[in-house]
Amino acid sequence: MSGFNPEMRTRAEKICSLYPQVRSALIPLCHLAQEQAGYLSEDLMEEIAEMVGVTPAEVYGTASFYDMLHTEPVGKYLVGVCTNIACLLQGGEELLEHAEAKLGVAPGGTTEDGMFTLEDMECIAHCNKAPALQVNYRFFGPVDEESFDELVDDLRAGRLVGDVPSHGTLIREERSAPIALSIDEVLAERALSDAAIAQRKAQVQS
């Protein structure tokens, strides 16, 4: 696996140009790398390190810290079943067991055809649709065994390409310019926020 292809390298350089300190582009570049390859290969991490002025070990350290970044290959579709309290009470554990049987893999495993990686996830903040799951960080819920099977079949058949892109694609719109705020504007906004917080505290204490 090589580093960024020419198109992605151009996008990577554009991302770097958006930040006053290029090191701030590290995580966005990691996501861009996953959009290309589905995971962060050693070559991609080395190229990111060179672009932002850090060591490959620092890129790996960042990638291994965040759940949404992967340093090993995963499936085209990353299926994360929530088993936290709201989903647990609505059948999340049973849904996960069904997903294991349907896909033929345990959490952390990838199907032989490379299509699906299954994950047991903590709260995905979709509690009002419990039991819920994510596919490449797109939300689905409530999901029962029948609708899970339909979802997997639709993904295999390519019927949801417009709704669920391959793993790694997080956004549909690219930012074309840096945030155009001066430090004075930022400080003024912070001062307003601090004043509002202080006012609320005073109201609670009175």
N, C-alpha and C. Protein backbone atom coordinates (compact mmCIF):
# COMPACT_ATOMS: atom_id res chain seq x y z
N MET A 1 0.86 -1.19 0.00
CA MET A 1 0.00 0.00 0.00
C MET A 1 0.89 1.23 0.00
N SER A 2 0.71 2.08 -0.99
CA SER A 2 1.50 3.31 -1.08
C SER A 2 0.80 4.41 -0.29
N GLY A 3 1.37 5.63 -0.35
CA GLY A 3 0.77 6.75 0.34
C GLY A 3 -0.40 7.32 -0.44
N PHE A 4 -0.63 8.62 -0.27
CA PHE A 4 -1.75 9.26 -0.96
C PHE A 4 -1.59 9.16 -2.47
N ASN A 5 -2.68 8.87 -3.16
CA ASN A 5 -2.65 8.96 -4.62
C ASN A 5 -2.67 10.43 -5.02
N PRO A 6 -2.43 10.77 -6.29
CA PRO A 6 -2.31 12.19 -6.68
C PRO A 6 -3.52 13.04 -6.30
N GLU A 7 -4.73 12.50 -6.49
CA GLU A 7 -5.93 13.28 -6.15
C GLU A 7 -5.99 13.55 -4.65
N MET A 8 -5.73 12.51 -3.86
CA MET A 8 -5.80 12.68 -2.41
C MET A 8 -4.64 13.54 -1.89
N ARG A 9 -3.49 13.45 -2.53
CA ARG A 9 -2.37 14.30 -2.12
C ARG A 9 -2.74 15.77 -2.31
N THR A 10 -3.41 16.09 -3.41
CA THR A 10 -3.84 17.47 -3.65
C THR A 10 -4.83 17.90 -2.57
N ARG A 11 -5.77 17.02 -2.22
CA ARG A 11 -6.72 17.34 -1.16
C ARG A 11 -6.02 17.48 0.19
N ALA A 12 -5.02 16.64 0.43
CA ALA A 12 -4.28 16.71 1.68
C ALA A 12 -3.55 18.04 1.81
N GLU A 13 -2.92 18.49 0.74
CA GLU A 13 -2.21 19.77 0.77
C GLU A 13 -3.18 20.92 0.99
N LYS A 14 -4.37 20.81 0.41
CA LYS A 14 -5.39 21.84 0.61
C LYS A 14 -5.83 21.88 2.07
N ILE A 15 -6.01 20.70 2.67
CA ILE A 15 -6.37 20.64 4.09
C ILE A 15 -5.29 21.30 4.94
N CYS A 16 -4.05 21.01 4.66
CA CYS A 16 -2.94 21.59 5.43
C CYS A 16 -2.95 23.12 5.35
N SER A 17 -3.35 23.64 4.20
CA SER A 17 -3.33 25.10 4.01
C SER A 17 -4.40 25.81 4.83
N LEU A 18 -5.36 25.06 5.38
CA LEU A 18 -6.45 25.68 6.13
C LEU A 18 -6.06 26.03 7.56
N TYR A 19 -4.93 25.51 8.03
CA TYR A 19 -4.58 25.66 9.44
C TYR A 19 -3.36 26.55 9.63
N PRO A 20 -3.42 27.51 10.57
CA PRO A 20 -2.25 28.36 10.85
C PRO A 20 -1.04 27.53 11.27
N GLN A 21 -1.28 26.44 12.03
CA GLN A 21 -0.23 25.50 12.39
C GLN A 21 -0.55 24.17 11.73
N VAL A 22 0.31 23.76 10.83
CA VAL A 22 -0.01 22.61 9.97
C VAL A 22 -0.21 21.33 10.77
N ARG A 23 0.36 21.25 11.96
CA ARG A 23 0.18 20.07 12.79
C ARG A 23 -1.28 19.84 13.13
N SER A 24 -2.07 20.91 13.14
CA SER A 24 -3.50 20.79 13.44
C SER A 24 -4.25 19.99 12.39
N ALA A 25 -3.62 19.77 11.24
CA ALA A 25 -4.26 19.00 10.17
C ALA A 25 -4.08 17.50 10.34
N LEU A 26 -3.42 17.06 11.41
CA LEU A 26 -3.10 15.64 11.56
C LEU A 26 -4.34 14.75 11.51
N ILE A 27 -5.33 15.04 12.34
CA ILE A 27 -6.52 14.18 12.37
C ILE A 27 -7.32 14.28 11.07
N PRO A 28 -7.56 15.49 10.52
CA PRO A 28 -8.23 15.52 9.23
C PRO A 28 -7.50 14.72 8.15
N LEU A 29 -6.18 14.72 8.16
CA LEU A 29 -5.43 13.93 7.18
C LEU A 29 -5.60 12.43 7.44
N CYS A 30 -5.70 12.05 8.70
CA CYS A 30 -5.95 10.64 9.01
C CYS A 30 -7.30 10.19 8.44
N HIS A 31 -8.31 11.03 8.59
CA HIS A 31 -9.62 10.70 8.02
C HIS A 31 -9.55 10.65 6.49
N LEU A 32 -8.79 11.55 5.90
CA LEU A 32 -8.64 11.54 4.45
C LEU A 32 -7.96 10.25 3.99
N ALA A 33 -6.96 9.82 4.75
CA ALA A 33 -6.28 8.57 4.41
C ALA A 33 -7.24 7.39 4.47
N GLN A 34 -8.11 7.39 5.48
CA GLN A 34 -9.10 6.31 5.57
C GLN A 34 -10.10 6.36 4.44
N GLU A 35 -10.40 7.57 3.97
CA GLU A 35 -11.31 7.68 2.83
C GLU A 35 -10.70 7.01 1.61
N GLN A 36 -9.38 7.10 1.47
CA GLN A 36 -8.71 6.48 0.33
C GLN A 36 -8.57 4.97 0.50
N ALA A 37 -8.09 4.54 1.67
CA ALA A 37 -7.71 3.14 1.83
C ALA A 37 -8.59 2.35 2.77
N GLY A 38 -9.45 3.02 3.54
CA GLY A 38 -10.27 2.33 4.51
C GLY A 38 -9.61 2.20 5.87
N TYR A 39 -8.29 2.37 5.90
CA TYR A 39 -7.55 2.33 7.17
C TYR A 39 -6.23 3.08 6.96
N LEU A 40 -5.48 3.25 8.05
CA LEU A 40 -4.21 3.97 7.99
C LEU A 40 -3.06 2.98 7.84
N SER A 41 -2.57 2.86 6.63
CA SER A 41 -1.41 2.00 6.39
C SER A 41 -0.14 2.69 6.89
N GLU A 42 0.94 1.93 7.01
CA GLU A 42 2.21 2.51 7.45
C GLU A 42 2.67 3.60 6.49
N ASP A 43 2.51 3.37 5.18
CA ASP A 43 2.94 4.36 4.19
C ASP A 43 2.15 5.66 4.33
N LEU A 44 0.85 5.53 4.56
CA LEU A 44 0.03 6.73 4.72
C LEU A 44 0.39 7.48 5.99
N MET A 45 0.64 6.75 7.08
CA MET A 45 1.02 7.42 8.32
C MET A 45 2.36 8.12 8.17
N GLU A 46 3.29 7.51 7.43
CA GLU A 46 4.58 8.15 7.20
C GLU A 46 4.42 9.43 6.37
N GLU A 47 3.55 9.38 5.38
CA GLU A 47 3.35 10.57 4.55
C GLU A 47 2.67 11.68 5.33
N ILE A 48 1.69 11.33 6.15
CA ILE A 48 1.03 12.32 7.00
C ILE A 48 2.05 12.95 7.95
N ALA A 49 2.90 12.13 8.53
CA ALA A 49 3.93 12.64 9.45
C ALA A 49 4.83 13.65 8.75
N GLU A 50 5.22 13.33 7.54
CA GLU A 50 6.08 14.25 6.77
C GLU A 50 5.37 15.56 6.47
N MET A 51 4.07 15.47 6.18
CA MET A 51 3.33 16.67 5.79
C MET A 51 3.10 17.61 6.97
N VAL A 52 2.91 17.07 8.17
CA VAL A 52 2.58 17.93 9.31
C VAL A 52 3.75 18.14 10.27
N GLY A 53 4.90 17.54 9.94
CA GLY A 53 6.09 17.80 10.73
C GLY A 53 6.17 17.07 12.06
N VAL A 54 5.66 15.82 12.10
CA VAL A 54 5.79 15.00 13.30
C VAL A 54 6.40 13.66 12.90
N THR A 55 6.62 12.78 13.86
CA THR A 55 7.15 11.46 13.56
C THR A 55 6.02 10.51 13.21
N PRO A 56 6.30 9.44 12.45
CA PRO A 56 5.28 8.42 12.21
C PRO A 56 4.72 7.82 13.50
N ALA A 57 5.56 7.74 14.53
CA ALA A 57 5.10 7.21 15.81
C ALA A 57 4.02 8.11 16.41
N GLU A 58 4.15 9.42 16.24
CA GLU A 58 3.13 10.34 16.75
C GLU A 58 1.82 10.18 15.99
N VAL A 59 1.91 9.95 14.70
CA VAL A 59 0.69 9.71 13.92
C VAL A 59 0.03 8.41 14.39
N TYR A 60 0.85 7.37 14.58
CA TYR A 60 0.31 6.09 15.06
C TYR A 60 -0.31 6.25 16.45
N GLY A 61 0.36 7.00 17.31
CA GLY A 61 -0.17 7.22 18.65
C GLY A 61 -1.53 7.90 18.63
N THR A 62 -1.70 8.85 17.74
CA THR A 62 -2.99 9.52 17.59
C THR A 62 -4.03 8.56 17.03
N ALA A 63 -3.65 7.83 15.97
CA ALA A 63 -4.59 6.92 15.32
C ALA A 63 -5.04 5.81 16.25
N SER A 64 -4.13 5.31 17.08
CA SER A 64 -4.48 4.20 17.96
C SER A 64 -5.29 4.64 19.17
N PHE A 65 -5.36 5.96 19.40
CA PHE A 65 -6.13 6.48 20.53
C PHE A 65 -7.61 6.59 20.21
N TYR A 66 -7.94 6.95 18.96
CA TYR A 66 -9.33 7.23 18.59
C TYR A 66 -10.00 6.02 17.95
N ASP A 67 -11.22 5.71 18.40
CA ASP A 67 -11.95 4.55 17.88
C ASP A 67 -12.28 4.68 16.40
N MET A 68 -12.43 5.89 15.91
CA MET A 68 -12.83 6.07 14.51
C MET A 68 -11.65 5.95 13.55
N LEU A 69 -10.44 5.80 14.07
CA LEU A 69 -9.27 5.63 13.22
C LEU A 69 -8.76 4.21 13.37
N HIS A 70 -8.42 3.59 12.25
CA HIS A 70 -8.02 2.19 12.25
C HIS A 70 -6.65 2.02 11.60
N THR A 71 -5.79 1.28 12.27
CA THR A 71 -4.45 1.04 11.74
C THR A 71 -4.33 -0.36 11.12
N GLU A 72 -5.42 -1.09 11.08
CA GLU A 72 -5.49 -2.38 10.41
C GLU A 72 -6.69 -2.37 9.47
N PRO A 73 -6.65 -3.16 8.40
CA PRO A 73 -7.78 -3.18 7.46
C PRO A 73 -9.09 -3.54 8.14
N VAL A 74 -10.16 -2.89 7.72
CA VAL A 74 -11.51 -3.22 8.17
C VAL A 74 -12.38 -3.42 6.93
N GLY A 75 -13.62 -3.85 7.15
CA GLY A 75 -14.50 -4.10 6.03
C GLY A 75 -14.95 -2.82 5.33
N LYS A 76 -15.55 -3.00 4.19
CA LYS A 76 -16.12 -1.85 3.47
C LYS A 76 -17.17 -1.17 4.32
N TYR A 77 -17.89 -1.95 5.10
CA TYR A 77 -18.93 -1.42 5.99
C TYR A 77 -18.60 -1.79 7.43
N LEU A 78 -18.45 -0.79 8.27
CA LEU A 78 -18.18 -0.98 9.69
C LEU A 78 -19.52 -0.90 10.42
N VAL A 79 -20.00 -2.03 10.93
CA VAL A 79 -21.31 -2.12 11.56
C VAL A 79 -21.11 -2.11 13.07
N GLY A 80 -21.57 -1.04 13.72
CA GLY A 80 -21.43 -0.91 15.16
C GLY A 80 -22.77 -0.99 15.85
N VAL A 81 -23.00 -2.07 16.60
CA VAL A 81 -24.25 -2.26 17.32
C VAL A 81 -24.09 -1.69 18.72
N CYS A 82 -24.98 -0.79 19.11
CA CYS A 82 -24.92 -0.19 20.44
C CYS A 82 -25.50 -1.15 21.48
N THR A 83 -24.73 -1.35 22.56
CA THR A 83 -25.23 -2.19 23.66
C THR A 83 -25.20 -1.43 24.98
N ASN A 84 -25.16 -0.10 24.92
CA ASN A 84 -25.23 0.69 26.14
C ASN A 84 -26.66 0.67 26.69
N ILE A 85 -26.88 1.33 27.81
CA ILE A 85 -28.06 1.07 28.64
C ILE A 85 -29.40 1.18 27.90
N ALA A 86 -29.62 2.27 27.15
CA ALA A 86 -30.92 2.42 26.48
C ALA A 86 -31.14 1.32 25.46
N CYS A 87 -30.11 1.05 24.65
CA CYS A 87 -30.23 -0.01 23.65
C CYS A 87 -30.25 -1.39 24.31
N LEU A 88 -29.47 -1.55 25.38
CA LEU A 88 -29.45 -2.82 26.10
C LEU A 88 -30.86 -3.19 26.58
N LEU A 89 -31.57 -2.22 27.14
CA LEU A 89 -32.90 -2.48 27.65
C LEU A 89 -33.91 -2.78 26.55
N GLN A 90 -33.60 -2.35 25.33
CA GLN A 90 -34.50 -2.58 24.20
C GLN A 90 -34.06 -3.73 23.30
N GLY A 91 -33.10 -4.50 23.77
CA GLY A 91 -32.70 -5.68 23.00
C GLY A 91 -31.39 -5.55 22.26
N GLY A 92 -30.53 -4.63 22.68
CA GLY A 92 -29.26 -4.42 21.99
C GLY A 92 -28.35 -5.64 22.01
N GLU A 93 -28.28 -6.33 23.14
CA GLU A 93 -27.43 -7.52 23.24
C GLU A 93 -27.94 -8.61 22.30
N GLU A 94 -29.26 -8.79 22.28
CA GLU A 94 -29.84 -9.80 21.39
C GLU A 94 -29.60 -9.44 19.92
N LEU A 95 -29.66 -8.13 19.62
CA LEU A 95 -29.39 -7.69 18.25
C LEU A 95 -27.94 -7.97 17.87
N LEU A 96 -27.03 -7.73 18.80
CA LEU A 96 -25.62 -8.01 18.54
C LEU A 96 -25.40 -9.50 18.29
N GLU A 97 -26.04 -10.35 19.11
CA GLU A 97 -25.92 -11.80 18.91
C GLU A 97 -26.46 -12.21 17.54
N HIS A 98 -27.57 -11.58 17.13
CA HIS A 98 -28.12 -11.88 15.81
C HIS A 98 -27.16 -11.42 14.72
N ALA A 99 -26.56 -10.25 14.91
CA ALA A 99 -25.60 -9.74 13.92
C ALA A 99 -24.41 -10.68 13.78
N GLU A 100 -23.94 -11.23 14.90
CA GLU A 100 -22.84 -12.20 14.86
C GLU A 100 -23.24 -13.41 14.02
N ALA A 101 -24.46 -13.90 14.24
CA ALA A 101 -24.92 -15.08 13.50
C ALA A 101 -25.11 -14.77 12.02
N LYS A 102 -25.68 -13.61 11.73
CA LYS A 102 -25.93 -13.23 10.33
C LYS A 102 -24.64 -13.04 9.56
N LEU A 103 -23.67 -12.37 10.18
CA LEU A 103 -22.41 -12.06 9.49
C LEU A 103 -21.37 -13.16 9.64
N GLY A 104 -21.55 -14.01 10.65
CA GLY A 104 -20.60 -15.10 10.86
C GLY A 104 -19.29 -14.67 11.48
N VAL A 105 -19.31 -13.53 12.20
CA VAL A 105 -18.09 -13.04 12.87
C VAL A 105 -18.46 -12.52 14.25
N ALA A 106 -17.48 -12.54 15.15
CA ALA A 106 -17.65 -11.95 16.47
C ALA A 106 -17.26 -10.47 16.39
N PRO A 107 -17.62 -9.65 17.39
CA PRO A 107 -17.20 -8.25 17.39
C PRO A 107 -15.68 -8.14 17.22
N GLY A 108 -15.28 -7.24 16.34
CA GLY A 108 -13.87 -7.09 15.99
C GLY A 108 -13.47 -7.87 14.76
N GLY A 109 -14.36 -8.76 14.31
CA GLY A 109 -14.06 -9.59 13.15
C GLY A 109 -14.58 -9.01 11.85
N THR A 110 -14.00 -9.46 10.75
CA THR A 110 -14.39 -9.02 9.41
C THR A 110 -14.79 -10.23 8.59
N THR A 111 -15.86 -10.11 7.84
CA THR A 111 -16.35 -11.22 7.02
C THR A 111 -15.31 -11.60 5.97
N GLU A 112 -15.35 -12.85 5.53
CA GLU A 112 -14.35 -13.36 4.60
C GLU A 112 -14.31 -12.57 3.30
N ASP A 113 -15.45 -12.03 2.88
CA ASP A 113 -15.47 -11.27 1.63
C ASP A 113 -15.02 -9.83 1.81
N GLY A 114 -14.67 -9.44 3.05
CA GLY A 114 -14.19 -8.09 3.29
C GLY A 114 -15.27 -7.02 3.29
N MET A 115 -16.52 -7.44 3.32
CA MET A 115 -17.60 -6.46 3.24
C MET A 115 -17.93 -5.82 4.58
N PHE A 116 -17.92 -6.62 5.66
CA PHE A 116 -18.41 -6.13 6.95
C PHE A 116 -17.42 -6.40 8.08
N THR A 117 -17.24 -5.38 8.92
CA THR A 117 -16.57 -5.54 10.21
C THR A 117 -17.60 -5.23 11.28
N LEU A 118 -17.71 -6.10 12.27
CA LEU A 118 -18.72 -5.94 13.33
C LEU A 118 -18.06 -5.37 14.58
N GLU A 119 -18.74 -4.40 15.21
CA GLU A 119 -18.26 -3.81 16.44
C GLU A 119 -19.37 -3.77 17.48
N ASP A 120 -18.99 -3.96 18.74
CA ASP A 120 -19.87 -3.77 19.89
C ASP A 120 -19.56 -2.37 20.41
N MET A 121 -20.52 -1.44 20.30
CA MET A 121 -20.25 -0.04 20.58
C MET A 121 -20.90 0.44 21.87
N GLU A 122 -20.24 1.41 22.48
CA GLU A 122 -20.85 2.14 23.58
C GLU A 122 -21.88 3.11 23.01
N CYS A 123 -22.45 3.97 23.83
CA CYS A 123 -23.55 4.83 23.41
C CYS A 123 -23.23 5.59 22.13
N ILE A 124 -24.13 5.52 21.17
CA ILE A 124 -23.96 6.25 19.91
C ILE A 124 -24.91 7.44 19.83
N ALA A 125 -25.52 7.79 20.97
CA ALA A 125 -26.38 8.98 21.08
C ALA A 125 -27.58 8.91 20.14
N HIS A 126 -28.15 7.73 20.01
CA HIS A 126 -29.36 7.55 19.21
C HIS A 126 -30.40 6.84 20.07
N CYS A 127 -30.42 7.22 21.36
CA CYS A 127 -31.17 6.48 22.39
C CYS A 127 -32.67 6.45 22.11
N ASN A 128 -33.21 7.48 21.48
CA ASN A 128 -34.65 7.50 21.23
C ASN A 128 -35.04 6.54 20.11
N LYS A 129 -34.06 5.93 19.46
CA LYS A 129 -34.32 4.97 18.39
C LYS A 129 -33.77 3.59 18.76
N ALA A 130 -33.70 3.30 20.05
CA ALA A 130 -33.12 2.03 20.51
C ALA A 130 -33.99 0.83 20.13
N PRO A 131 -33.35 -0.31 19.84
CA PRO A 131 -31.91 -0.52 19.72
C PRO A 131 -31.40 0.03 18.39
N ALA A 132 -30.23 0.64 18.44
CA ALA A 132 -29.71 1.35 17.28
C ALA A 132 -28.32 0.84 16.90
N LEU A 133 -27.93 1.18 15.70
CA LEU A 133 -26.58 0.83 15.24
C LEU A 133 -26.11 1.88 14.26
N GLN A 134 -24.82 1.81 13.95
CA GLN A 134 -24.22 2.67 12.94
C GLN A 134 -23.61 1.80 11.85
N VAL A 135 -23.70 2.27 10.62
CA VAL A 135 -22.94 1.68 9.52
C VAL A 135 -22.09 2.80 8.93
N ASN A 136 -20.78 2.69 9.10
CA ASN A 136 -19.87 3.76 8.69
C ASN A 136 -20.31 5.10 9.25
N TYR A 137 -20.76 5.06 10.52
CA TYR A 137 -21.15 6.24 11.29
C TYR A 137 -22.40 6.92 10.74
N ARG A 138 -23.21 6.18 9.97
CA ARG A 138 -24.56 6.62 9.61
C ARG A 138 -25.52 5.84 10.50
N PHE A 139 -26.52 6.53 11.04
CA PHE A 139 -27.38 5.96 12.07
C PHE A 139 -28.57 5.19 11.51
N PHE A 140 -28.91 4.09 12.20
CA PHE A 140 -30.09 3.30 11.88
C PHE A 140 -30.76 2.88 13.19
N GLY A 141 -32.08 3.02 13.23
CA GLY A 141 -32.79 2.60 14.43
C GLY A 141 -34.24 3.06 14.40
N PRO A 142 -35.11 2.39 15.18
CA PRO A 142 -34.80 1.14 15.86
C PRO A 142 -34.62 -0.01 14.87
N VAL A 143 -33.76 -0.97 15.25
CA VAL A 143 -33.43 -2.09 14.37
C VAL A 143 -33.79 -3.39 15.09
N ASP A 144 -34.54 -4.24 14.41
CA ASP A 144 -34.80 -5.58 14.95
C ASP A 144 -34.09 -6.59 14.05
N GLU A 145 -34.25 -7.87 14.32
CA GLU A 145 -33.54 -8.88 13.56
C GLU A 145 -33.90 -8.84 12.07
N GLU A 146 -35.18 -8.66 11.79
CA GLU A 146 -35.62 -8.64 10.40
C GLU A 146 -35.05 -7.43 9.66
N SER A 147 -35.13 -6.25 10.28
CA SER A 147 -34.64 -5.06 9.59
C SER A 147 -33.11 -5.07 9.50
N PHE A 148 -32.44 -5.75 10.45
CA PHE A 148 -30.99 -5.90 10.34
C PHE A 148 -30.64 -6.73 9.11
N ASP A 149 -31.35 -7.83 8.93
CA ASP A 149 -31.09 -8.69 7.77
C ASP A 149 -31.33 -7.92 6.47
N GLU A 150 -32.41 -7.13 6.44
CA GLU A 150 -32.70 -6.33 5.24
C GLU A 150 -31.60 -5.31 4.99
N LEU A 151 -31.09 -4.68 6.07
CA LEU A 151 -30.03 -3.70 5.94
C LEU A 151 -28.77 -4.33 5.35
N VAL A 152 -28.38 -5.48 5.88
CA VAL A 152 -27.19 -6.18 5.38
C VAL A 152 -27.37 -6.57 3.91
N ASP A 153 -28.54 -7.08 3.58
CA ASP A 153 -28.79 -7.48 2.19
C ASP A 153 -28.75 -6.27 1.26
N ASP A 154 -29.31 -5.14 1.70
CA ASP A 154 -29.28 -3.93 0.88
C ASP A 154 -27.85 -3.43 0.67
N LEU A 155 -27.04 -3.50 1.73
CA LEU A 155 -25.65 -3.07 1.61
C LEU A 155 -24.88 -3.99 0.66
N ARG A 156 -25.09 -5.28 0.79
CA ARG A 156 -24.40 -6.23 -0.10
C ARG A 156 -24.78 -5.98 -1.56
N ALA A 157 -26.04 -5.65 -1.79
CA ALA A 157 -26.54 -5.47 -3.15
C ALA A 157 -26.23 -4.08 -3.71
N GLY A 158 -25.67 -3.21 -2.89
CA GLY A 158 -25.33 -1.87 -3.36
C GLY A 158 -26.51 -0.93 -3.45
N ARG A 159 -27.59 -1.26 -2.75
CA ARG A 159 -28.79 -0.42 -2.83
C ARG A 159 -28.72 0.83 -1.94
N LEU A 160 -27.70 0.93 -1.08
CA LEU A 160 -27.60 2.08 -0.17
C LEU A 160 -26.33 2.90 -0.41
N VAL A 161 -25.77 2.78 -1.60
CA VAL A 161 -24.52 3.48 -1.90
C VAL A 161 -24.67 4.99 -1.69
N GLY A 162 -25.80 5.55 -2.05
CA GLY A 162 -26.00 6.99 -1.90
C GLY A 162 -26.14 7.44 -0.46
N ASP A 163 -26.52 6.50 0.42
CA ASP A 163 -26.73 6.84 1.83
C ASP A 163 -25.56 6.43 2.72
N VAL A 164 -24.89 5.34 2.36
CA VAL A 164 -23.80 4.82 3.18
C VAL A 164 -22.58 4.61 2.29
N PRO A 165 -21.67 5.57 2.25
CA PRO A 165 -20.45 5.40 1.44
C PRO A 165 -19.51 4.39 2.09
N SER A 166 -18.48 3.99 1.38
CA SER A 166 -17.50 3.07 1.92
C SER A 166 -16.86 3.64 3.18
N HIS A 167 -16.37 2.75 4.04
CA HIS A 167 -15.76 3.19 5.29
C HIS A 167 -14.64 4.20 5.04
N GLY A 168 -14.65 5.25 5.86
CA GLY A 168 -13.63 6.29 5.76
C GLY A 168 -14.18 7.61 5.28
N THR A 169 -15.28 7.58 4.52
CA THR A 169 -15.85 8.82 4.01
C THR A 169 -16.78 9.40 5.07
N LEU A 170 -16.32 10.47 5.73
CA LEU A 170 -17.11 11.05 6.82
C LEU A 170 -17.99 12.20 6.36
N ILE A 171 -17.51 12.99 5.40
CA ILE A 171 -18.25 14.19 5.02
C ILE A 171 -18.49 14.20 3.51
N ARG A 172 -19.51 14.91 3.10
CA ARG A 172 -19.82 15.04 1.68
C ARG A 172 -19.37 16.39 1.13
N GLU A 173 -19.16 17.38 2.02
CA GLU A 173 -18.77 18.72 1.59
C GLU A 173 -17.36 19.02 2.08
N GLU A 174 -16.51 19.50 1.20
CA GLU A 174 -15.16 19.87 1.59
C GLU A 174 -15.09 21.33 1.98
N ARG A 175 -14.35 21.60 3.05
CA ARG A 175 -14.12 22.99 3.45
C ARG A 175 -13.10 23.59 2.52
N SER A 176 -13.39 24.75 1.97
CA SER A 176 -12.52 25.36 0.97
C SER A 176 -11.72 26.54 1.49
N ALA A 177 -11.99 26.97 2.71
CA ALA A 177 -11.29 28.13 3.25
C ALA A 177 -11.16 27.98 4.76
N PRO A 178 -10.12 28.59 5.34
CA PRO A 178 -9.98 28.52 6.80
C PRO A 178 -11.07 29.31 7.49
N ILE A 179 -11.25 29.04 8.77
CA ILE A 179 -12.21 29.81 9.55
C ILE A 179 -11.72 31.25 9.63
N ALA A 180 -12.53 32.16 9.16
CA ALA A 180 -12.09 33.55 9.03
C ALA A 180 -12.47 34.38 10.25
N LEU A 181 -11.89 34.06 11.39
CA LEU A 181 -12.12 34.82 12.60
C LEU A 181 -10.78 35.30 13.16
N SER A 182 -10.73 36.56 13.52
CA SER A 182 -9.51 37.08 14.15
C SER A 182 -9.49 36.65 15.61
N ILE A 183 -8.32 36.74 16.22
CA ILE A 183 -8.21 36.38 17.63
C ILE A 183 -9.05 37.31 18.50
N ASP A 184 -9.20 38.57 18.10
CA ASP A 184 -10.03 39.50 18.86
C ASP A 184 -11.49 39.06 18.84
N GLU A 185 -11.96 38.57 17.70
CA GLU A 185 -13.34 38.09 17.61
C GLU A 185 -13.55 36.85 18.46
N VAL A 186 -12.57 35.97 18.46
CA VAL A 186 -12.66 34.76 19.29
C VAL A 186 -12.71 35.13 20.77
N LEU A 187 -11.85 36.04 21.19
CA LEU A 187 -11.82 36.45 22.59
C LEU A 187 -13.12 37.14 23.00
N ALA A 188 -13.69 37.93 22.08
CA ALA A 188 -14.95 38.61 22.37
C ALA A 188 -16.08 37.59 22.55
N GLU A 189 -16.11 36.55 21.72
CA GLU A 189 -17.13 35.51 21.84
C GLU A 189 -16.97 34.76 23.16
N ARG A 190 -15.73 34.49 23.54
CA ARG A 190 -15.48 33.81 24.81
C ARG A 190 -15.94 34.66 25.99
N ALA A 191 -15.70 35.96 25.90
CA ALA A 191 -16.11 36.86 26.99
C ALA A 191 -17.63 36.86 27.14
N LEU A 192 -18.35 36.87 26.02
CA LEU A 192 -19.82 36.81 26.07
C LEU A 192 -20.29 35.49 26.69
N SER A 193 -19.63 34.41 26.31
CA SER A 193 -20.00 33.11 26.86
C SER A 193 -19.73 33.06 28.36
N ASP A 194 -18.59 33.56 28.78
CA ASP A 194 -18.25 33.57 30.22
C ASP A 194 -19.26 34.40 31.01
N ALA A 195 -19.67 35.53 30.44
CA ALA A 195 -20.63 36.39 31.11
C ALA A 195 -21.99 35.70 31.26
N ALA A 196 -22.39 34.97 30.21
CA ALA A 196 -23.67 34.25 30.26
C ALA A 196 -23.64 33.15 31.30
N ILE A 197 -22.52 32.44 31.39
CA ILE A 197 -22.37 31.38 32.39
C ILE A 197 -22.42 31.96 33.80
N ALA A 198 -21.72 33.07 34.00
CA ALA A 198 -21.71 33.71 35.32
C ALA A 198 -23.11 34.18 35.71
N GLN A 199 -23.87 34.69 34.74
CA GLN A 199 -25.23 35.15 35.02
C GLN A 199 -26.13 33.98 35.42
N ARG A 200 -25.99 32.84 34.76
CA ARG A 200 -26.79 31.67 35.10
C ARG A 200 -26.45 31.16 36.50
N LYS A 201 -25.17 31.15 36.82
CA LYS A 201 -24.76 30.72 38.16
C LYS A 201 -25.34 31.64 39.23
N ALA A 202 -25.33 32.94 38.95
CA ALA A 202 -25.86 33.90 39.92
C ALA A 202 -27.35 33.68 40.12
N GLN A 203 -28.07 33.36 39.04
CA GLN A 203 -29.51 33.12 39.15
C GLN A 203 -29.80 31.87 39.96
N VAL A 204 -28.99 30.84 39.79
CA VAL A 204 -29.18 29.59 40.52
C VAL A 204 -28.92 29.81 42.02
N GLN A 205 -27.91 30.60 42.33
CA GLN A 205 -27.53 30.82 43.73
C GLN A 205 -28.46 31.77 44.46
N SER A 206 -29.20 32.60 43.71
CA SER A 206 -30.07 33.60 44.34
C SER A 206 -31.41 32.98 44.76
